[in-house]
Amino acid sequence: MMTSLPPEWTHCERFFAEDGAAFGDCIQEARRKERAAGTTRLIGIAALCLLALWLPIIILAVMR
């Protein structure tokens, strides 16, 4: 069992013994999914920041 892999990549261990190329593909796919999740998280944070900035302006405009 390999202990140097991050927990998100442990499902790739089964490919290591079978085929090195499949192991590399599995690691690349795991990295791609991590980047996609990070991008989605950043978009969500940006959307919340924009909402926090514009919400008081909208409330003041409605209350006029």
N, C-alpha and C. Protein backbone atom coordinates (compact mmCIF):
# COMPACT_ATOMS: atom_id res chain seq x y z
N MET A 1 0.85 -1.19 0.00
CA MET A 1 0.00 0.00 0.00
C MET A 1 0.89 1.24 0.00
N MET A 2 0.53 2.21 -0.83
CA MET A 2 1.31 3.43 -0.92
C MET A 2 0.81 4.42 0.12
N THR A 3 1.73 5.01 0.87
CA THR A 3 1.32 5.95 1.91
C THR A 3 1.60 7.40 1.53
N SER A 4 2.24 7.64 0.39
CA SER A 4 2.62 8.99 0.04
C SER A 4 1.53 9.73 -0.74
N LEU A 5 0.46 9.05 -1.12
CA LEU A 5 -0.61 9.70 -1.88
C LEU A 5 -1.54 10.47 -0.95
N PRO A 6 -2.02 11.63 -1.42
CA PRO A 6 -3.04 12.34 -0.64
C PRO A 6 -4.31 11.49 -0.56
N PRO A 7 -5.14 11.72 0.43
CA PRO A 7 -6.36 10.90 0.60
C PRO A 7 -7.29 10.91 -0.61
N GLU A 8 -7.31 12.02 -1.36
CA GLU A 8 -8.20 12.11 -2.52
C GLU A 8 -7.75 11.18 -3.65
N TRP A 9 -6.52 10.75 -3.61
CA TRP A 9 -5.96 9.95 -4.70
C TRP A 9 -5.83 8.47 -4.35
N THR A 10 -6.27 8.06 -3.17
CA THR A 10 -6.06 6.67 -2.76
C THR A 10 -6.78 5.69 -3.67
N HIS A 11 -7.86 6.13 -4.33
CA HIS A 11 -8.55 5.22 -5.25
C HIS A 11 -7.67 4.88 -6.45
N CYS A 12 -6.61 5.63 -6.70
CA CYS A 12 -5.71 5.37 -7.82
C CYS A 12 -4.69 4.27 -7.51
N GLU A 13 -4.59 3.87 -6.25
CA GLU A 13 -3.60 2.86 -5.86
C GLU A 13 -3.77 1.55 -6.63
N ARG A 14 -5.00 1.18 -6.89
CA ARG A 14 -5.23 -0.11 -7.57
C ARG A 14 -4.63 -0.11 -8.97
N PHE A 15 -4.53 1.06 -9.60
CA PHE A 15 -3.93 1.15 -10.93
C PHE A 15 -2.41 1.01 -10.89
N PHE A 16 -1.80 1.35 -9.75
CA PHE A 16 -0.34 1.37 -9.65
C PHE A 16 0.25 -0.02 -9.91
N ALA A 17 -0.35 -1.02 -9.30
CA ALA A 17 0.17 -2.38 -9.47
C ALA A 17 -0.15 -2.95 -10.85
N GLU A 18 -1.26 -2.52 -11.43
CA GLU A 18 -1.70 -3.06 -12.71
C GLU A 18 -1.00 -2.41 -13.90
N ASP A 19 -1.04 -1.07 -13.95
CA ASP A 19 -0.56 -0.38 -15.15
C ASP A 19 -0.13 1.03 -14.75
N GLY A 20 1.14 1.33 -14.99
CA GLY A 20 1.66 2.64 -14.62
C GLY A 20 1.00 3.77 -15.38
N ALA A 21 0.67 3.56 -16.66
CA ALA A 21 0.02 4.61 -17.46
C ALA A 21 -1.37 4.91 -16.92
N ALA A 22 -2.10 3.87 -16.53
CA ALA A 22 -3.44 4.08 -15.97
C ALA A 22 -3.35 4.82 -14.64
N PHE A 23 -2.30 4.54 -13.88
CA PHE A 23 -2.08 5.24 -12.62
C PHE A 23 -1.87 6.73 -12.88
N GLY A 24 -1.03 7.05 -13.87
CA GLY A 24 -0.79 8.45 -14.22
C GLY A 24 -2.05 9.14 -14.69
N ASP A 25 -2.85 8.45 -15.48
CA ASP A 25 -4.12 9.01 -15.96
C ASP A 25 -5.06 9.28 -14.79
N CYS A 26 -5.10 8.35 -13.85
CA CYS A 26 -5.97 8.51 -12.68
C CYS A 26 -5.55 9.73 -11.86
N ILE A 27 -4.25 9.92 -11.67
CA ILE A 27 -3.74 11.06 -10.92
C ILE A 27 -4.07 12.37 -11.65
N GLN A 28 -3.89 12.38 -12.97
CA GLN A 28 -4.21 13.58 -13.74
C GLN A 28 -5.70 13.93 -13.64
N GLU A 29 -6.54 12.93 -13.70
CA GLU A 29 -7.99 13.15 -13.59
C GLU A 29 -8.34 13.68 -12.20
N ALA A 30 -7.70 13.15 -11.15
CA ALA A 30 -7.95 13.62 -9.79
C ALA A 30 -7.51 15.08 -9.65
N ARG A 31 -6.38 15.44 -10.24
CA ARG A 31 -5.92 16.83 -10.19
C ARG A 31 -6.88 17.75 -10.93
N ARG A 32 -7.38 17.30 -12.08
CA ARG A 32 -8.33 18.11 -12.85
C ARG A 32 -9.60 18.37 -12.04
N LYS A 33 -10.08 17.34 -11.36
CA LYS A 33 -11.28 17.50 -10.54
C LYS A 33 -11.04 18.46 -9.38
N GLU A 34 -9.83 18.41 -8.79
CA GLU A 34 -9.50 19.33 -7.71
C GLU A 34 -9.49 20.77 -8.20
N ARG A 35 -8.90 21.00 -9.37
CA ARG A 35 -8.87 22.36 -9.94
C ARG A 35 -10.28 22.85 -10.25
N ALA A 36 -11.13 21.97 -10.79
CA ALA A 36 -12.50 22.35 -11.10
C ALA A 36 -13.26 22.72 -9.83
N ALA A 37 -13.06 21.95 -8.78
CA ALA A 37 -13.72 22.23 -7.51
C ALA A 37 -13.23 23.56 -6.94
N GLY A 38 -11.94 23.83 -7.06
CA GLY A 38 -11.39 25.09 -6.58
C GLY A 38 -11.95 26.27 -7.35
N THR A 39 -12.09 26.12 -8.66
CA THR A 39 -12.64 27.20 -9.49
C THR A 39 -14.09 27.47 -9.11
N THR A 40 -14.86 26.41 -8.92
CA THR A 40 -16.26 26.57 -8.53
C THR A 40 -16.37 27.27 -7.18
N ARG A 41 -15.50 26.92 -6.26
CA ARG A 41 -15.50 27.53 -4.94
C ARG A 41 -15.18 29.03 -5.05
N LEU A 42 -14.19 29.38 -5.89
CA LEU A 42 -13.84 30.79 -6.06
C LEU A 42 -14.98 31.59 -6.68
N ILE A 43 -15.67 31.01 -7.63
CA ILE A 43 -16.82 31.69 -8.25
C ILE A 43 -17.91 31.92 -7.21
N GLY A 44 -18.15 30.95 -6.37
CA GLY A 44 -19.14 31.10 -5.31
C GLY A 44 -18.78 32.19 -4.32
N ILE A 45 -17.51 32.24 -3.94
CA ILE A 45 -17.05 33.27 -3.01
C ILE A 45 -17.17 34.65 -3.66
N ALA A 46 -16.81 34.75 -4.93
CA ALA A 46 -16.92 36.03 -5.64
C ALA A 46 -18.39 36.47 -5.72
N ALA A 47 -19.28 35.54 -5.98
CA ALA A 47 -20.71 35.88 -6.05
C ALA A 47 -21.22 36.37 -4.70
N LEU A 48 -20.79 35.75 -3.62
CA LEU A 48 -21.21 36.20 -2.29
C LEU A 48 -20.66 37.59 -1.97
N CYS A 49 -19.42 37.84 -2.40
CA CYS A 49 -18.84 39.17 -2.17
C CYS A 49 -19.61 40.24 -2.93
N LEU A 50 -19.95 39.96 -4.18
CA LEU A 50 -20.73 40.92 -4.96
C LEU A 50 -22.10 41.16 -4.33
N LEU A 51 -22.71 40.09 -3.85
CA LEU A 51 -24.01 40.24 -3.19
C LEU A 51 -23.87 41.08 -1.94
N ALA A 52 -22.82 40.85 -1.16
CA ALA A 52 -22.61 41.62 0.06
C ALA A 52 -22.38 43.10 -0.24
N LEU A 53 -21.75 43.39 -1.37
CA LEU A 53 -21.51 44.79 -1.74
C LEU A 53 -22.77 45.48 -2.23
N TRP A 54 -23.57 44.78 -3.03
CA TRP A 54 -24.73 45.39 -3.65
C TRP A 54 -26.00 45.32 -2.80
N LEU A 55 -26.07 44.42 -1.85
CA LEU A 55 -27.28 44.27 -1.05
C LEU A 55 -27.67 45.55 -0.31
N PRO A 56 -26.76 46.24 0.36
CA PRO A 56 -27.17 47.50 1.04
C PRO A 56 -27.66 48.55 0.05
N ILE A 57 -27.05 48.62 -1.12
CA ILE A 57 -27.48 49.60 -2.13
C ILE A 57 -28.90 49.28 -2.60
N ILE A 58 -29.17 48.01 -2.83
CA ILE A 58 -30.50 47.60 -3.27
C ILE A 58 -31.53 47.88 -2.18
N ILE A 59 -31.19 47.58 -0.95
CA ILE A 59 -32.12 47.82 0.16
C ILE A 59 -32.42 49.31 0.30
N LEU A 60 -31.38 50.14 0.20
CA LEU A 60 -31.59 51.58 0.30
C LEU A 60 -32.44 52.10 -0.86
N ALA A 61 -32.24 51.57 -2.04
CA ALA A 61 -33.02 52.00 -3.19
C ALA A 61 -34.49 51.61 -3.05
N VAL A 62 -34.75 50.46 -2.49
CA VAL A 62 -36.12 49.99 -2.31
C VAL A 62 -36.81 50.78 -1.21
N MET A 63 -36.09 51.15 -0.19
CA MET A 63 -36.68 51.86 0.95
C MET A 63 -36.98 53.32 0.64
N ARG A 64 -36.44 53.86 -0.42
CA ARG A 64 -36.69 55.27 -0.77
C ARG A 64 -38.11 55.53 -1.11
